[in-house]
N, C-alpha and C. Protein backbone atom coordinates (compact mmCIF):
# COMPACT_ATOMS: atom_id res chain seq x y z
N MET A 1 12.79 51.61 -17.14
CA MET A 1 13.32 50.83 -16.08
C MET A 1 12.63 51.22 -14.73
N SER A 2 12.16 50.18 -13.97
CA SER A 2 11.61 50.56 -12.73
C SER A 2 12.63 50.91 -11.65
N GLN A 3 12.18 51.43 -10.57
CA GLN A 3 12.99 51.75 -9.47
C GLN A 3 13.72 50.48 -8.94
N PHE A 4 12.92 49.45 -8.82
CA PHE A 4 13.51 48.13 -8.44
C PHE A 4 14.68 47.70 -9.27
N GLU A 5 14.48 47.61 -10.54
CA GLU A 5 15.56 47.22 -11.49
C GLU A 5 16.76 48.07 -11.30
N TYR A 6 16.53 49.41 -11.23
CA TYR A 6 17.72 50.37 -11.07
C TYR A 6 18.50 50.02 -9.71
N ILE A 7 17.83 49.94 -8.74
CA ILE A 7 18.36 49.55 -7.38
C ILE A 7 19.09 48.25 -7.41
N MET A 8 18.57 47.19 -8.04
CA MET A 8 19.24 45.88 -8.06
C MET A 8 20.46 45.83 -8.92
N VAL A 9 20.75 46.84 -9.77
CA VAL A 9 21.84 46.77 -10.57
C VAL A 9 23.18 46.59 -9.87
N LEU A 10 23.43 47.55 -8.94
CA LEU A 10 24.67 47.44 -8.17
C LEU A 10 24.68 46.30 -7.17
N ILE A 11 23.56 45.98 -6.60
CA ILE A 11 23.49 44.78 -5.78
C ILE A 11 23.83 43.44 -6.59
N SER A 12 23.40 43.41 -7.88
CA SER A 12 23.58 42.35 -8.66
C SER A 12 25.05 42.16 -8.96
N ILE A 13 25.62 43.20 -9.32
CA ILE A 13 27.08 43.42 -9.53
C ILE A 13 27.97 42.76 -8.42
N VAL A 14 27.64 43.25 -7.18
CA VAL A 14 28.39 42.66 -5.93
C VAL A 14 28.08 41.21 -5.79
N LEU A 15 26.87 40.80 -5.96
CA LEU A 15 26.43 39.38 -5.84
C LEU A 15 27.16 38.59 -6.94
N GLY A 16 27.24 39.06 -8.19
CA GLY A 16 27.83 38.42 -9.27
C GLY A 16 29.37 38.24 -9.08
N LEU A 17 29.91 39.30 -8.50
CA LEU A 17 31.36 39.20 -8.17
C LEU A 17 31.73 38.07 -7.13
N GLY A 18 30.78 37.93 -6.15
CA GLY A 18 30.91 36.88 -5.16
C GLY A 18 30.79 35.50 -5.80
N ILE A 19 29.77 35.33 -6.67
CA ILE A 19 29.66 34.05 -7.32
C ILE A 19 30.76 33.74 -8.20
N THR A 20 31.25 34.71 -8.88
CA THR A 20 32.37 34.53 -9.86
C THR A 20 33.64 34.18 -9.05
N HIS A 21 33.79 34.73 -7.94
CA HIS A 21 35.02 34.50 -7.02
C HIS A 21 34.95 32.95 -6.63
N LEU A 22 33.75 32.57 -6.07
CA LEU A 22 33.64 31.14 -5.78
C LEU A 22 33.90 30.22 -6.86
N LEU A 23 33.23 30.45 -8.04
CA LEU A 23 33.43 29.58 -9.19
C LEU A 23 34.83 29.60 -9.64
N ALA A 24 35.52 30.74 -9.61
CA ALA A 24 36.91 30.73 -10.02
C ALA A 24 37.84 30.04 -9.03
N GLY A 25 37.46 30.01 -7.68
CA GLY A 25 38.13 29.26 -6.73
C GLY A 25 38.09 27.72 -6.93
N VAL A 26 36.78 27.30 -7.20
CA VAL A 26 36.47 25.94 -7.56
C VAL A 26 37.35 25.46 -8.72
N GLY A 27 37.27 26.29 -9.85
CA GLY A 27 37.99 26.11 -11.04
C GLY A 27 39.47 25.93 -10.85
N SER A 28 40.04 26.85 -10.03
CA SER A 28 41.40 26.78 -9.61
C SER A 28 41.70 25.41 -8.91
N LEU A 29 40.86 25.00 -8.00
CA LEU A 29 41.08 23.72 -7.40
C LEU A 29 41.17 22.47 -8.40
N VAL A 30 40.18 22.53 -9.45
CA VAL A 30 40.05 21.49 -10.50
C VAL A 30 41.52 21.52 -11.15
N TYR A 31 41.94 22.73 -11.48
CA TYR A 31 43.23 22.82 -12.25
C TYR A 31 44.33 22.31 -11.48
N ARG A 32 44.40 22.60 -10.27
CA ARG A 32 45.48 22.11 -9.33
C ARG A 32 45.34 20.58 -9.11
N LEU A 33 44.26 20.05 -9.05
CA LEU A 33 44.02 18.71 -8.80
C LEU A 33 44.36 17.88 -10.01
N SER A 34 44.31 18.41 -11.22
CA SER A 34 44.72 17.79 -12.37
C SER A 34 46.09 17.70 -12.67
N GLY A 35 46.99 18.38 -11.70
CA GLY A 35 48.42 18.24 -11.71
C GLY A 35 48.94 19.50 -12.48
N GLN A 36 48.17 20.49 -12.88
CA GLN A 36 48.71 21.58 -13.58
C GLN A 36 49.21 22.68 -12.69
N GLY A 37 49.06 22.64 -11.44
CA GLY A 37 49.58 23.69 -10.59
C GLY A 37 50.13 23.09 -9.22
N PRO A 38 50.25 23.98 -8.30
CA PRO A 38 50.81 23.46 -7.01
C PRO A 38 49.87 22.40 -6.34
N ARG A 39 50.41 21.51 -5.78
CA ARG A 39 49.55 20.43 -5.11
C ARG A 39 48.71 21.10 -4.01
N VAL A 40 47.49 20.52 -3.83
CA VAL A 40 46.55 21.08 -2.82
C VAL A 40 46.00 19.86 -2.12
N ARG A 41 45.68 20.01 -0.85
CA ARG A 41 44.88 19.08 -0.01
C ARG A 41 43.56 19.78 0.22
N LEU A 42 42.54 19.04 -0.17
CA LEU A 42 41.24 19.56 0.02
C LEU A 42 40.59 19.07 1.38
N TYR A 43 39.55 19.87 1.76
CA TYR A 43 38.80 19.49 3.04
C TYR A 43 37.40 19.60 2.65
N TRP A 44 36.68 18.51 2.90
CA TRP A 44 35.38 18.30 2.64
C TRP A 44 34.42 19.40 3.26
N GLY A 45 34.82 19.72 4.50
CA GLY A 45 34.10 20.79 5.17
C GLY A 45 34.07 22.20 4.55
N HIS A 46 35.28 22.52 4.01
CA HIS A 46 35.59 23.75 3.27
C HIS A 46 34.72 23.73 1.98
N LEU A 47 34.59 22.53 1.27
CA LEU A 47 33.96 22.58 0.04
C LEU A 47 32.48 22.53 0.36
N THR A 48 31.94 21.95 1.39
CA THR A 48 30.55 22.06 1.82
C THR A 48 30.25 23.52 2.18
N TRP A 49 31.03 24.26 2.77
CA TRP A 49 30.79 25.60 3.05
C TRP A 49 30.78 26.46 1.77
N VAL A 50 31.64 26.16 0.84
CA VAL A 50 31.58 26.65 -0.50
C VAL A 50 30.20 26.53 -1.19
N ALA A 51 29.72 25.30 -1.08
CA ALA A 51 28.33 24.90 -1.55
C ALA A 51 27.34 25.69 -0.84
N PHE A 52 27.38 25.80 0.46
CA PHE A 52 26.40 26.61 1.30
C PHE A 52 26.34 28.02 0.75
N VAL A 53 27.49 28.67 0.71
CA VAL A 53 27.56 30.10 0.40
C VAL A 53 26.98 30.33 -1.11
N PHE A 54 27.42 29.41 -2.01
CA PHE A 54 26.90 29.43 -3.37
C PHE A 54 25.33 29.36 -3.33
N CYS A 55 24.73 28.40 -2.72
CA CYS A 55 23.25 28.37 -2.59
C CYS A 55 22.73 29.54 -1.91
N TYR A 56 23.45 30.09 -0.79
CA TYR A 56 22.89 31.20 -0.13
C TYR A 56 22.82 32.39 -1.16
N GLN A 57 23.87 32.57 -1.99
CA GLN A 57 23.81 33.71 -2.87
C GLN A 57 22.79 33.61 -3.95
N ILE A 58 22.57 32.40 -4.48
CA ILE A 58 21.50 32.10 -5.33
C ILE A 58 20.17 32.42 -4.67
N GLY A 59 20.00 31.99 -3.43
CA GLY A 59 18.76 32.30 -2.77
C GLY A 59 18.51 33.76 -2.58
N PHE A 60 19.67 34.47 -2.13
CA PHE A 60 19.58 35.84 -1.93
C PHE A 60 19.00 36.51 -3.20
N TRP A 61 19.58 36.13 -4.46
CA TRP A 61 19.03 36.72 -5.62
C TRP A 61 17.58 36.48 -5.86
N TRP A 62 17.16 35.28 -5.42
CA TRP A 62 15.82 34.81 -5.72
C TRP A 62 14.84 35.56 -4.87
N TRP A 63 15.23 35.71 -3.56
CA TRP A 63 14.16 36.30 -2.57
C TRP A 63 14.22 37.78 -2.60
N GLU A 64 15.22 38.42 -3.25
CA GLU A 64 15.20 39.90 -3.35
C GLU A 64 14.12 40.31 -4.23
N PHE A 65 13.56 39.35 -4.98
CA PHE A 65 12.50 39.80 -5.94
C PHE A 65 11.33 40.31 -5.10
N SER A 66 11.14 39.96 -3.90
CA SER A 66 10.09 40.39 -3.03
C SER A 66 10.15 41.95 -2.73
N TRP A 67 11.24 42.61 -3.06
CA TRP A 67 11.20 44.04 -3.02
C TRP A 67 10.71 44.74 -4.28
N ALA A 68 10.21 43.89 -5.17
CA ALA A 68 9.83 44.50 -6.57
C ALA A 68 8.61 45.32 -6.34
N GLU A 69 7.84 44.99 -5.23
CA GLU A 69 6.48 45.87 -5.08
C GLU A 69 6.79 47.07 -4.33
N GLU A 70 8.03 47.33 -3.86
CA GLU A 70 8.32 48.53 -3.10
C GLU A 70 8.19 49.66 -4.06
N ASN A 71 7.48 50.60 -3.62
CA ASN A 71 7.24 51.87 -4.44
C ASN A 71 8.07 53.03 -4.04
N THR A 72 8.68 53.09 -2.87
CA THR A 72 9.41 54.19 -2.37
C THR A 72 10.71 53.74 -1.80
N TRP A 73 11.86 54.01 -2.54
CA TRP A 73 13.16 53.60 -1.98
C TRP A 73 13.83 54.76 -1.44
N GLY A 74 14.47 54.49 -0.30
CA GLY A 74 15.19 55.43 0.37
C GLY A 74 16.73 54.93 0.42
N LEU A 75 17.61 56.03 0.51
CA LEU A 75 19.05 55.69 0.53
C LEU A 75 19.48 54.72 1.57
N LEU A 76 18.83 54.78 2.74
CA LEU A 76 19.26 53.80 3.83
C LEU A 76 19.00 52.41 3.52
N LEU A 77 17.73 52.17 2.97
CA LEU A 77 17.40 50.84 2.47
C LEU A 77 18.28 50.33 1.46
N TYR A 78 18.57 51.24 0.58
CA TYR A 78 19.54 50.97 -0.48
C TYR A 78 20.93 50.50 0.08
N PHE A 79 21.41 51.26 0.96
CA PHE A 79 22.75 50.93 1.66
C PHE A 79 22.67 49.70 2.35
N PHE A 80 21.51 49.44 3.05
CA PHE A 80 21.37 48.20 3.76
C PHE A 80 21.50 47.01 2.89
N LEU A 81 20.81 46.92 1.74
CA LEU A 81 20.78 45.91 0.76
C LEU A 81 22.19 45.62 0.21
N ILE A 82 22.86 46.82 -0.02
CA ILE A 82 24.39 46.63 -0.55
C ILE A 82 25.17 46.08 0.52
N LEU A 83 24.96 46.41 1.72
CA LEU A 83 25.67 45.85 2.97
C LEU A 83 25.44 44.41 2.95
N TYR A 84 24.20 43.97 2.78
CA TYR A 84 23.87 42.48 2.77
C TYR A 84 24.65 41.88 1.64
N ALA A 85 24.60 42.41 0.36
CA ALA A 85 25.34 41.66 -0.66
C ALA A 85 26.92 41.75 -0.41
N THR A 86 27.43 42.75 0.20
CA THR A 86 28.77 42.90 0.43
C THR A 86 29.19 41.88 1.58
N ALA A 87 28.41 41.52 2.49
CA ALA A 87 28.70 40.62 3.53
C ALA A 87 28.66 39.22 2.94
N LEU A 88 27.88 38.89 1.95
CA LEU A 88 27.89 37.67 1.28
C LEU A 88 29.17 37.51 0.35
N PHE A 89 29.57 38.66 -0.25
CA PHE A 89 30.86 38.62 -0.98
C PHE A 89 31.99 38.38 -0.07
N LEU A 90 32.06 38.98 0.97
CA LEU A 90 33.15 38.76 1.94
C LEU A 90 33.21 37.27 2.45
N LEU A 91 32.15 36.60 2.53
CA LEU A 91 32.09 35.18 2.86
C LEU A 91 32.93 34.43 1.80
N CYS A 92 32.75 34.83 0.38
CA CYS A 92 33.40 34.21 -0.61
C CYS A 92 34.80 34.48 -0.58
N GLU A 93 35.24 35.70 -0.13
CA GLU A 93 36.68 36.15 0.03
C GLU A 93 37.40 35.33 1.04
N VAL A 94 36.69 35.06 2.09
CA VAL A 94 37.22 34.32 3.26
C VAL A 94 37.37 32.77 2.86
N LEU A 95 36.47 32.35 2.06
CA LEU A 95 36.71 30.92 1.63
C LEU A 95 37.69 30.64 0.59
N PHE A 96 37.86 31.65 -0.19
CA PHE A 96 38.95 31.59 -1.27
C PHE A 96 39.74 32.83 -1.27
N PRO A 97 40.76 33.00 -0.55
CA PRO A 97 41.58 34.27 -0.49
C PRO A 97 42.08 34.57 -1.99
N ARG A 98 42.43 35.80 -2.17
CA ARG A 98 42.99 36.33 -3.42
C ARG A 98 44.23 35.32 -3.92
N ARG A 99 44.88 34.96 -2.95
CA ARG A 99 46.14 34.13 -3.20
C ARG A 99 45.87 32.65 -2.91
N ALA A 100 44.69 32.17 -3.31
CA ALA A 100 44.29 30.77 -2.97
C ALA A 100 45.27 29.86 -3.56
N ASP A 101 46.06 30.14 -4.70
CA ASP A 101 46.93 29.27 -5.26
C ASP A 101 48.18 28.94 -4.35
N GLU A 102 48.28 29.78 -3.25
CA GLU A 102 49.36 29.67 -2.38
C GLU A 102 48.90 28.79 -1.13
N VAL A 103 47.58 28.48 -1.12
CA VAL A 103 47.13 27.67 0.03
C VAL A 103 47.30 26.27 -0.44
N THR A 104 47.97 25.42 0.34
CA THR A 104 48.31 23.98 0.07
C THR A 104 47.44 23.08 0.80
N ASP A 105 46.84 23.52 1.83
CA ASP A 105 46.03 22.65 2.75
C ASP A 105 44.76 23.43 3.13
N PHE A 106 43.53 23.08 2.49
CA PHE A 106 42.44 23.94 2.76
C PHE A 106 41.75 23.65 4.20
N GLU A 107 42.07 22.48 4.71
CA GLU A 107 41.70 22.23 6.16
C GLU A 107 42.41 23.16 7.08
N ALA A 108 43.76 23.27 6.98
CA ALA A 108 44.60 24.26 7.78
C ALA A 108 44.21 25.64 7.51
N TYR A 109 43.90 25.95 6.31
CA TYR A 109 43.51 27.36 5.99
C TYR A 109 42.03 27.58 6.61
N PHE A 110 41.03 26.71 6.45
CA PHE A 110 39.79 27.02 7.01
C PHE A 110 39.89 27.16 8.50
N MET A 111 40.64 26.28 9.17
CA MET A 111 40.82 26.37 10.64
C MET A 111 41.37 27.76 11.08
N ALA A 112 42.24 28.22 10.23
CA ALA A 112 42.97 29.58 10.52
C ALA A 112 42.01 30.68 10.42
N VAL A 113 41.03 30.64 9.53
CA VAL A 113 40.13 31.76 9.33
C VAL A 113 38.74 31.45 9.83
N ARG A 114 38.67 30.46 10.49
CA ARG A 114 37.25 30.11 10.90
C ARG A 114 36.49 31.13 11.75
N LYS A 115 37.10 31.80 12.64
CA LYS A 115 36.59 32.79 13.29
C LYS A 115 35.99 33.83 12.55
N TRP A 116 36.73 34.22 11.48
CA TRP A 116 36.21 35.25 10.63
C TRP A 116 35.07 34.77 9.84
N PHE A 117 35.02 33.60 9.31
CA PHE A 117 34.04 32.92 8.53
C PHE A 117 32.78 32.92 9.34
N TYR A 118 32.91 32.33 10.59
CA TYR A 118 31.61 32.07 11.39
C TYR A 118 31.02 33.41 11.91
N GLY A 119 32.04 34.42 12.05
CA GLY A 119 31.52 35.83 12.48
C GLY A 119 30.73 36.41 11.33
N LEU A 120 31.27 36.25 10.15
CA LEU A 120 30.49 36.70 8.93
C LEU A 120 29.21 36.01 8.86
N ILE A 121 29.24 34.73 9.08
CA ILE A 121 27.86 33.99 9.08
C ILE A 121 26.92 34.70 10.07
N LEU A 122 27.32 34.94 11.12
CA LEU A 122 26.49 35.62 12.18
C LEU A 122 26.02 36.87 11.71
N ALA A 123 26.88 37.71 10.98
CA ALA A 123 26.53 38.94 10.60
C ALA A 123 25.38 38.87 9.51
N VAL A 124 25.73 37.94 8.57
CA VAL A 124 24.76 37.73 7.51
C VAL A 124 23.46 37.33 8.05
N THR A 125 23.47 36.47 8.99
CA THR A 125 22.20 36.01 9.71
C THR A 125 21.37 37.12 10.29
N ALA A 126 22.07 38.04 11.02
CA ALA A 126 21.54 39.21 11.62
C ALA A 126 20.99 40.06 10.56
N ILE A 127 21.68 40.36 9.49
CA ILE A 127 21.26 41.18 8.42
C ILE A 127 20.07 40.57 7.75
N ASP A 128 20.02 39.28 7.51
CA ASP A 128 18.85 38.67 7.02
C ASP A 128 17.63 38.73 7.88
N VAL A 129 17.73 38.64 9.11
CA VAL A 129 16.65 38.79 9.97
C VAL A 129 16.12 40.18 9.92
N ALA A 130 16.91 41.19 9.94
CA ALA A 130 16.53 42.52 9.74
C ALA A 130 15.87 42.86 8.51
N GLU A 131 16.39 42.31 7.44
CA GLU A 131 15.78 42.60 6.08
C GLU A 131 14.47 41.91 6.02
N SER A 132 14.23 40.71 6.63
CA SER A 132 12.90 39.95 6.66
C SER A 132 11.95 40.87 7.39
N ILE A 133 12.35 41.53 8.51
CA ILE A 133 11.39 42.32 9.21
C ILE A 133 11.08 43.63 8.50
N LEU A 134 12.05 44.13 7.70
CA LEU A 134 11.75 45.34 6.87
C LEU A 134 10.72 44.95 5.69
N LYS A 135 10.68 43.80 5.37
CA LYS A 135 9.74 43.34 4.25
C LYS A 135 8.24 43.37 4.76
N GLY A 136 8.12 43.33 6.07
CA GLY A 136 6.81 43.51 6.64
C GLY A 136 6.22 42.19 7.22
N PRO A 137 5.08 42.33 7.93
CA PRO A 137 4.54 41.17 8.66
C PRO A 137 4.04 40.07 7.72
N ASP A 138 3.50 40.40 6.63
CA ASP A 138 2.93 39.40 5.67
C ASP A 138 4.21 38.50 5.23
N TYR A 139 5.15 39.20 4.93
CA TYR A 139 6.42 38.42 4.52
C TYR A 139 6.96 37.49 5.69
N MET A 140 7.03 38.10 6.79
CA MET A 140 7.52 37.36 7.95
C MET A 140 6.65 36.08 8.21
N GLU A 141 5.30 36.16 8.12
CA GLU A 141 4.32 35.11 8.28
C GLU A 141 4.57 34.12 7.23
N ARG A 142 4.84 34.47 5.99
CA ARG A 142 5.03 33.48 4.86
C ARG A 142 6.31 32.73 5.14
N LEU A 143 7.32 33.25 5.79
CA LEU A 143 8.56 32.51 5.98
C LEU A 143 8.39 31.21 6.83
N GLY A 144 7.57 31.36 7.91
CA GLY A 144 7.23 30.21 8.76
C GLY A 144 8.28 29.64 9.59
N TRP A 145 7.98 28.47 10.12
CA TRP A 145 8.99 27.81 11.10
C TRP A 145 10.26 27.53 10.57
N MET A 146 10.28 27.03 9.27
CA MET A 146 11.62 26.61 8.59
C MET A 146 12.68 27.62 8.61
N TYR A 147 12.19 28.86 8.29
CA TYR A 147 13.11 30.06 8.39
C TYR A 147 13.79 30.29 9.79
N TRP A 148 13.01 30.20 10.87
CA TRP A 148 13.39 30.42 12.05
C TRP A 148 14.24 29.20 12.50
N SER A 149 13.98 28.05 12.09
CA SER A 149 14.87 26.92 12.31
C SER A 149 16.21 27.13 11.65
N LEU A 150 16.35 27.64 10.48
CA LEU A 150 17.37 27.97 9.90
C LEU A 150 18.35 29.03 10.57
N ILE A 151 17.60 30.14 11.01
CA ILE A 151 18.26 31.20 11.71
C ILE A 151 18.89 30.72 12.98
N ILE A 152 18.02 29.96 13.68
CA ILE A 152 18.63 29.46 15.03
C ILE A 152 19.82 28.46 14.85
N SER A 153 19.66 27.63 13.90
CA SER A 153 20.79 26.74 13.67
C SER A 153 21.97 27.47 13.15
N LEU A 154 21.96 28.49 12.36
CA LEU A 154 23.10 29.24 11.88
C LEU A 154 23.79 29.95 13.12
N VAL A 155 22.94 30.42 13.95
CA VAL A 155 23.56 31.05 15.25
C VAL A 155 24.30 29.99 16.03
N VAL A 156 23.62 28.89 16.23
CA VAL A 156 24.34 27.74 17.02
C VAL A 156 25.58 27.32 16.38
N ILE A 157 25.43 27.09 15.07
CA ILE A 157 26.59 26.54 14.33
C ILE A 157 27.82 27.50 14.31
N SER A 158 27.53 28.79 14.18
CA SER A 158 28.52 29.91 14.18
C SER A 158 29.18 29.98 15.53
N VAL A 159 28.39 30.07 16.56
CA VAL A 159 29.01 30.21 17.89
C VAL A 159 29.91 28.85 18.25
N THR A 160 29.34 27.76 17.95
CA THR A 160 30.14 26.40 18.17
C THR A 160 31.34 26.45 17.20
N GLY A 161 31.30 26.83 16.04
CA GLY A 161 32.41 26.83 15.06
C GLY A 161 33.51 27.82 15.50
N MET A 162 33.22 28.93 16.11
CA MET A 162 34.15 29.88 16.67
C MET A 162 34.90 29.37 17.93
N LEU A 163 34.16 28.54 18.66
CA LEU A 163 34.66 28.15 20.01
C LEU A 163 35.39 26.81 19.99
N ARG A 164 34.98 25.98 19.06
CA ARG A 164 35.53 24.61 18.95
C ARG A 164 36.36 24.25 17.76
N ASP A 165 37.30 23.34 18.03
CA ASP A 165 38.30 22.86 16.93
C ASP A 165 37.65 21.46 16.46
N GLY A 166 38.20 21.04 15.42
CA GLY A 166 37.94 19.60 14.97
C GLY A 166 37.51 19.53 13.59
N ARG A 167 38.23 18.71 12.83
CA ARG A 167 37.95 18.51 11.39
C ARG A 167 36.45 18.03 11.21
N ARG A 168 36.10 16.96 11.89
CA ARG A 168 34.81 16.34 11.75
C ARG A 168 33.73 17.36 12.29
N LEU A 169 34.06 18.00 13.33
CA LEU A 169 33.00 19.05 13.81
C LEU A 169 32.66 20.04 12.71
N HIS A 170 33.72 20.59 12.24
CA HIS A 170 33.44 21.75 11.31
C HIS A 170 32.87 21.19 9.92
N GLY A 171 33.20 20.04 9.50
CA GLY A 171 32.59 19.36 8.37
C GLY A 171 31.11 19.18 8.61
N GLY A 172 30.85 18.61 9.83
CA GLY A 172 29.43 18.40 10.18
C GLY A 172 28.64 19.65 10.32
N LEU A 173 29.24 20.67 10.84
CA LEU A 173 28.49 21.91 10.93
C LEU A 173 28.14 22.49 9.61
N ALA A 174 29.02 22.41 8.56
CA ALA A 174 28.93 22.88 7.18
C ALA A 174 27.77 21.97 6.61
N LEU A 175 27.75 20.67 6.88
CA LEU A 175 26.68 19.88 6.20
C LEU A 175 25.36 20.16 6.75
N VAL A 176 25.25 20.33 8.09
CA VAL A 176 23.85 20.71 8.71
C VAL A 176 23.43 22.05 8.10
N ALA A 177 24.28 23.01 8.06
CA ALA A 177 24.03 24.32 7.46
C ALA A 177 23.49 24.19 6.08
N PHE A 178 24.29 23.50 5.32
CA PHE A 178 23.90 23.32 3.88
C PHE A 178 22.63 22.68 3.71
N ILE A 179 22.23 21.57 4.42
CA ILE A 179 20.98 20.93 4.32
C ILE A 179 19.87 21.88 4.80
N PHE A 180 19.98 22.45 5.89
CA PHE A 180 18.96 23.40 6.39
C PHE A 180 18.75 24.60 5.30
N GLN A 181 19.81 25.18 4.79
CA GLN A 181 19.72 26.21 3.72
C GLN A 181 18.99 25.69 2.47
N PHE A 182 19.38 24.54 2.06
CA PHE A 182 18.83 24.03 0.82
C PHE A 182 17.27 23.71 1.01
N VAL A 183 16.90 22.99 2.06
CA VAL A 183 15.56 22.62 2.42
C VAL A 183 14.78 23.92 2.58
N GLN A 184 15.30 24.89 3.25
CA GLN A 184 14.63 26.15 3.47
C GLN A 184 14.34 26.91 2.14
N LEU A 185 15.33 27.00 1.24
CA LEU A 185 15.14 27.61 -0.05
C LEU A 185 13.93 26.90 -0.80
N LEU A 186 13.96 25.58 -0.85
CA LEU A 186 13.05 24.79 -1.56
C LEU A 186 11.60 25.00 -0.99
N THR A 187 11.52 25.03 0.33
CA THR A 187 10.19 25.06 0.97
C THR A 187 9.53 26.46 1.03
N THR A 188 10.35 27.45 1.26
CA THR A 188 9.92 28.80 1.57
C THR A 188 9.86 29.74 0.26
N TYR A 189 10.71 29.47 -0.68
CA TYR A 189 10.75 30.39 -1.77
C TYR A 189 10.58 29.71 -3.07
N PRO A 190 9.68 28.68 -3.28
CA PRO A 190 9.58 27.94 -4.54
C PRO A 190 9.09 28.83 -5.79
N LEU A 191 8.32 29.86 -5.50
CA LEU A 191 7.78 30.77 -6.57
C LEU A 191 8.25 32.13 -6.29
N LEU A 192 8.37 33.03 -7.41
CA LEU A 192 8.67 34.41 -7.22
C LEU A 192 7.55 35.22 -6.63
N ASN A 193 6.33 34.97 -6.81
CA ASN A 193 5.21 35.76 -6.33
C ASN A 193 5.12 35.72 -4.83
C-alpha cells in the first residue's frame, strides 16, 4: 500500500459518511412523499443545494488523486485534508439534520439554518483555495479561470445568502452554484492525470 492510499483511507471514510448521509436523506424524502411517513413540504432550493454538495463531494474524491504523486506526507497536511473532508460532511449534516423526519417544511428549515450552511460554504471555499495552493504552481495554473470564477461566485453567493431572505433568491443561488460547480468539474478535472 502506498502512502497516498494509506492517507486516503480515513478521508474516504469521512467523505463516504457524508455521501451516505445525503443519500439517506433523499431516500427518506422519497419514503415520506410516498405517504409512508410524516408529510413533508419540499423546497427546490434545498434540493438543488443537496445536488451541489453531492457533486462537490464526488469532485473532491476525484481531484484528491492529484496528491498521489506526493512523496512526503506530514501530519499537518493529513489533518488539513481531514478538516476539508469534515467540513464537507458538516454541509451534509446541515442539509439533513439527524432528525430530518421531524422536519415538515424544508424551506422553513433551510431558511432557519442558512447562515450556518453559507458559513460552511465559505469555510469549504477557503479550505479549497488553500489546498489548491498547497498542490503547487503547476496545479494552480492548470485550474485556470473557471476555478477562480467558481471561487468568486461561491463567496458572493454565500455572503448574499447569509444577508438576504427569499425563497426565489436562495433557490437561484443554489442553481447558480450547482451550474458553476458542475461545469468547473467537467472542464477542469476531466482526467485523473
